[in-house]
Structures are given as structure tokens and as C-alpha cells.
């Protein structure tokens, strides 16, 4: 299973970015997908997740600003990030599980990880 995240960049506070994560190597549609982020010197934290049937979960810190979605025909999951804040600055990672399961909010719930894409929000 390969995951490739993209879409990061530098944006001013209040701006928007859309991250993409393309999956390959197996059937995409039946597995949960998660987004996590890690800022320098901090632990990896949950951002958002989407189940195989479209159910979504968000960290409180991003609720109302970020939207996770998936396009099973394109084997891709997205993270639309609006009203970005400097504290959203981090490397963002997508992840998926080895077996079909409910979405999780802990990194241990996921078995495959993509390389991060850096999001920098300037004040």
C-alpha cells in the first residue's frame, strides 16, 4: 500500500489549502482514511478521518474549518482546510488501516502512512 500526500505550501492566516492523498496497491473504498499532523517538537496528533461509507470525524481544533472527503473512483482522500491559523502549521500525513475497520483517532489505529506534506501558515 502506497500513500502519496500533496498540496501543502505557504499560506497566510485566514487562507485555504486543499491536501490530497492518493492511494495505490489495493482496493481503496473499503478502508478508513485518516489525516494527522505533527508540528516541530510536538507529538503527532489526529486531525480528521473518514470511514469507508463517508462518515467523518474531526479534532475539536479543526471542527468547522476543515473538511475531509474521499473520491473512491480516484482512490484519493482530501482535506480542505479553510480559515487557517498559524497553529495549523505542521507536516500533514495521511494514513490507512491494514484491515477494514471503524475510523480511529489514534495513530496506532493506522498501519500505512504516507510521507508528510508541509503546511506553513504565516501570521
C-alpha atoms as a PDB file:
ATOM      1  CA  UNK A   1       0.000   0.000   0.000  1.00  0.00           C
ATOM      2  CA  UNK A   2       1.390   3.380  -1.007  1.00  0.00           C
ATOM      3  CA  UNK A   3       0.057   6.742   0.085  1.00  0.00           C
ATOM      4  CA  UNK A   4       1.193   9.979  -1.506  1.00  0.00           C
ATOM      5  CA  UNK A   5       0.153  13.243   0.098  1.00  0.00           C
ATOM      6  CA  UNK A   6       0.395  16.561  -1.705  1.00  0.00           C
ATOM      7  CA  UNK A   7      -0.953  20.088  -1.644  1.00  0.00           C
ATOM      8  CA  UNK A   8       0.973  21.623   1.205  1.00  0.00           C
ATOM      9  CA  UNK A   9       2.508  25.057   0.993  1.00  0.00           C
ATOM     10  CA  UNK A  10       2.788  28.504   2.497  1.00  0.00           C
ATOM     11  CA  UNK A  11      -0.414  30.437   3.122  1.00  0.00           C
ATOM     12  CA  UNK A  12      -1.373  33.492   5.117  1.00  0.00           C
ATOM     13  CA  UNK A  13      -3.590  33.219   8.152  1.00  0.00           C
ATOM     14  CA  UNK A  14      -7.219  33.069   7.087  1.00  0.00           C
ATOM     15  CA  UNK A  15      -6.359  31.393   3.822  1.00  0.00           C
ATOM     16  CA  UNK A  16      -7.170  27.948   2.468  1.00  0.00           C
ATOM     17  CA  UNK A  17      -5.386  24.874   1.188  1.00  0.00           C
ATOM     18  CA  UNK A  18      -6.573  21.516  -0.060  1.00  0.00           C
ATOM     19  CA  UNK A  19      -4.466  18.468   0.648  1.00  0.00           C
ATOM     20  CA  UNK A  20      -4.751  15.309  -1.405  1.00  0.00           C
ATOM     21  CA  UNK A  21      -3.669  11.767  -0.632  1.00  0.00           C
ATOM     22  CA  UNK A  22      -3.549   9.267  -3.466  1.00  0.00           C
ATOM     23  CA  UNK A  23      -3.609   5.607  -2.509  1.00  0.00           C
ATOM     24  CA  UNK A  24      -2.430   2.632  -4.530  1.00  0.00           C
ATOM     25  CA  UNK A  25      -1.707  -1.023  -4.080  1.00  0.00           C
ATOM     26  CA  UNK A  26      -5.101  -2.345  -3.046  1.00  0.00           C
ATOM     27  CA  UNK A  27      -8.843  -1.681  -3.123  1.00  0.00           C
ATOM     28  CA  UNK A  28      -9.319   1.797  -1.691  1.00  0.00           C
ATOM     29  CA  UNK A  29     -13.007   2.102  -0.956  1.00  0.00           C
ATOM     30  CA  UNK A  30     -13.408  -0.278   1.977  1.00  0.00           C
ATOM     31  CA  UNK A  31     -10.755   1.182   4.273  1.00  0.00           C
ATOM     32  CA  UNK A  32     -10.815   4.137   6.632  1.00  0.00           C
ATOM     33  CA  UNK A  33      -8.542   7.079   5.873  1.00  0.00           C
ATOM     34  CA  UNK A  34      -7.076   9.457   8.405  1.00  0.00           C
ATOM     35  CA  UNK A  35      -5.208  12.739   8.460  1.00  0.00           C
ATOM     36  CA  UNK A  36      -2.713  13.534  11.195  1.00  0.00           C
ATOM     37  CA  UNK A  37      -0.263  16.360  11.689  1.00  0.00           C
ATOM     38  CA  UNK A  38       2.961  16.886  13.553  1.00  0.00           C
ATOM     39  CA  UNK A  39       4.477  20.228  14.402  1.00  0.00           C
ATOM     40  CA  UNK A  40       8.163  20.576  15.311  1.00  0.00           C
ATOM     41  CA  UNK A  41       8.778  19.356  18.835  1.00  0.00           C
ATOM     42  CA  UNK A  42       5.258  18.037  19.243  1.00  0.00           C
ATOM     43  CA  UNK A  43       3.625  14.644  19.050  1.00  0.00           C
ATOM     44  CA  UNK A  44       1.648  13.527  16.047  1.00  0.00           C
ATOM     45  CA  UNK A  45      -1.999  14.468  16.503  1.00  0.00           C
ATOM     46  CA  UNK A  46      -5.257  13.457  14.924  1.00  0.00           C
ATOM     47  CA  UNK A  47      -6.856  15.916  12.520  1.00  0.00           C
ATOM     48  CA  UNK A  48      -9.672  14.164  10.669  1.00  0.00           C
ATOM     49  CA  UNK A  49     -10.792  10.780   9.404  1.00  0.00           C
ATOM     50  CA  UNK A  50     -13.341   9.345   7.030  1.00  0.00           C
ATOM     51  CA  UNK A  51     -14.855   5.881   7.055  1.00  0.00           C
ATOM     52  CA  UNK A  52     -15.450   3.636   4.086  1.00  0.00           C
ATOM     53  CA  UNK A  53     -19.054   4.888   3.849  1.00  0.00           C
ATOM     54  CA  UNK A  54     -18.263   8.576   4.260  1.00  0.00           C
ATOM     55  CA  UNK A  55     -18.680   9.055   7.993  1.00  0.00           C
ATOM     56  CA  UNK A  56     -16.353  11.783   9.241  1.00  0.00           C
ATOM     57  CA  UNK A  57     -14.599  12.638  12.482  1.00  0.00           C
ATOM     58  CA  UNK A  58     -12.671  15.778  13.368  1.00  0.00           C
ATOM     59  CA  UNK A  59     -10.396  17.031  16.090  1.00  0.00           C
ATOM     60  CA  UNK A  60     -12.032  19.818  18.060  1.00  0.00           C
ATOM     61  CA  UNK A  61      -9.291  22.202  16.973  1.00  0.00           C
ATOM     62  CA  UNK A  62     -10.272  21.948  13.297  1.00  0.00           C
ATOM     63  CA  UNK A  63     -14.003  21.315  13.509  1.00  0.00           C
ATOM     64  CA  UNK A  64     -15.892  23.807  11.368  1.00  0.00           C
ATOM     65  CA  UNK A  65     -12.762  24.797   9.432  1.00  0.00           C
ATOM     66  CA  UNK A  66     -11.528  21.553   7.860  1.00  0.00           C
ATOM     67  CA  UNK A  67     -13.464  19.074   5.726  1.00  0.00           C
ATOM     68  CA  UNK A  68     -12.337  15.556   4.895  1.00  0.00           C
ATOM     69  CA  UNK A  69     -13.741  13.798   1.838  1.00  0.00           C
ATOM     70  CA  UNK A  70     -12.927  10.878  -0.409  1.00  0.00           C
ATOM     71  CA  UNK A  71     -13.308  10.008  -4.066  1.00  0.00           C
ATOM     72  CA  UNK A  72     -13.254   6.237  -4.311  1.00  0.00           C
ATOM     73  CA  UNK A  73     -13.173   6.347  -8.105  1.00  0.00           C
ATOM     74  CA  UNK A  74      -9.874   8.244  -7.892  1.00  0.00           C
ATOM     75  CA  UNK A  75      -8.510   6.378  -4.854  1.00  0.00           C
ATOM     76  CA  UNK A  76      -7.978   9.747  -3.227  1.00  0.00           C
ATOM     77  CA  UNK A  77      -8.828  11.374   0.076  1.00  0.00           C
ATOM     78  CA  UNK A  78      -8.879  15.144   0.512  1.00  0.00           C
ATOM     79  CA  UNK A  79      -8.539  17.578   3.367  1.00  0.00           C
ATOM     80  CA  UNK A  80      -9.981  21.004   2.640  1.00  0.00           C
ATOM     81  CA  UNK A  81      -8.548  23.469   5.133  1.00  0.00           C
ATOM     82  CA  UNK A  82     -10.171  26.882   5.496  1.00  0.00           C
ATOM     83  CA  UNK A  83      -9.610  29.763   7.901  1.00  0.00           C
ATOM     84  CA  UNK A  84      -6.104  28.558   8.526  1.00  0.00           C
ATOM     85  CA  UNK A  85      -4.293  29.686  11.654  1.00  0.00           C
ATOM     86  CA  UNK A  86      -0.574  29.833  12.449  1.00  0.00           C
ATOM     87  CA  UNK A  87      -1.089  26.971  14.909  1.00  0.00           C
ATOM     88  CA  UNK A  88      -2.126  24.753  11.979  1.00  0.00           C
ATOM     89  CA  UNK A  89       1.487  24.828  10.794  1.00  0.00           C
ATOM     90  CA  UNK A  90       2.760  21.233  10.664  1.00  0.00           C
ATOM     91  CA  UNK A  91       3.626  18.315   8.486  1.00  0.00           C
ATOM     92  CA  UNK A  92       0.375  16.641   7.483  1.00  0.00           C
ATOM     93  CA  UNK A  93       0.218  12.881   6.996  1.00  0.00           C
ATOM     94  CA  UNK A  94      -2.434  10.612   5.547  1.00  0.00           C
ATOM     95  CA  UNK A  95      -2.860   7.094   6.807  1.00  0.00           C
ATOM     96  CA  UNK A  96      -4.957   3.989   6.354  1.00  0.00           C
ATOM     97  CA  UNK A  97      -5.579   0.723   8.138  1.00  0.00           C
ATOM     98  CA  UNK A  98      -4.475  -2.764   7.132  1.00  0.00           C
ATOM     99  CA  UNK A  99      -7.993  -4.148   7.582  1.00  0.00           C
ATOM    100  CA  UNK A 100     -11.463  -2.667   7.088  1.00  0.00           C
ATOM    101  CA  UNK A 101     -12.417  -1.157  10.418  1.00  0.00           C
ATOM    102  CA  UNK A 102     -14.039   1.832  12.035  1.00  0.00           C
ATOM    103  CA  UNK A 103     -12.134   5.078  11.880  1.00  0.00           C
ATOM    104  CA  UNK A 104      -9.747   5.761  14.731  1.00  0.00           C
ATOM    105  CA  UNK A 105      -8.319   8.914  16.233  1.00  0.00           C
ATOM    106  CA  UNK A 106      -5.100   7.365  17.499  1.00  0.00           C
ATOM    107  CA  UNK A 107      -2.049   6.840  15.278  1.00  0.00           C
ATOM    108  CA  UNK A 108      -1.992   3.202  16.395  1.00  0.00           C
ATOM    109  CA  UNK A 109      -5.263   2.617  14.550  1.00  0.00           C
ATOM    110  CA  UNK A 110      -3.456   3.051  11.244  1.00  0.00           C
ATOM    111  CA  UNK A 111      -0.890   0.788   9.630  1.00  0.00           C
ATOM    112  CA  UNK A 112       0.200   2.573   6.469  1.00  0.00           C
ATOM    113  CA  UNK A 113       1.436   6.140   6.310  1.00  0.00           C
ATOM    114  CA  UNK A 114       2.349   8.485   3.540  1.00  0.00           C
ATOM    115  CA  UNK A 115       5.184  10.946   3.635  1.00  0.00           C
ATOM    116  CA  UNK A 116       4.137  14.262   5.043  1.00  0.00           C
ATOM    117  CA  UNK A 117       3.286  17.415   3.194  1.00  0.00           C
ATOM    118  CA  UNK A 118       4.278  20.632   4.916  1.00  0.00           C
ATOM    119  CA  UNK A 119       1.700  23.305   5.645  1.00  0.00           C
ATOM    120  CA  UNK A 120       3.015  26.656   6.845  1.00  0.00           C
ATOM    121  CA  UNK A 121       0.589  29.363   7.925  1.00  0.00           C
ATOM    122  CA  UNK A 122       2.062  32.817   8.362  1.00  0.00           C
ATOM    123  CA  UNK A 123       0.570  35.417  10.668  1.00  0.00           C
END
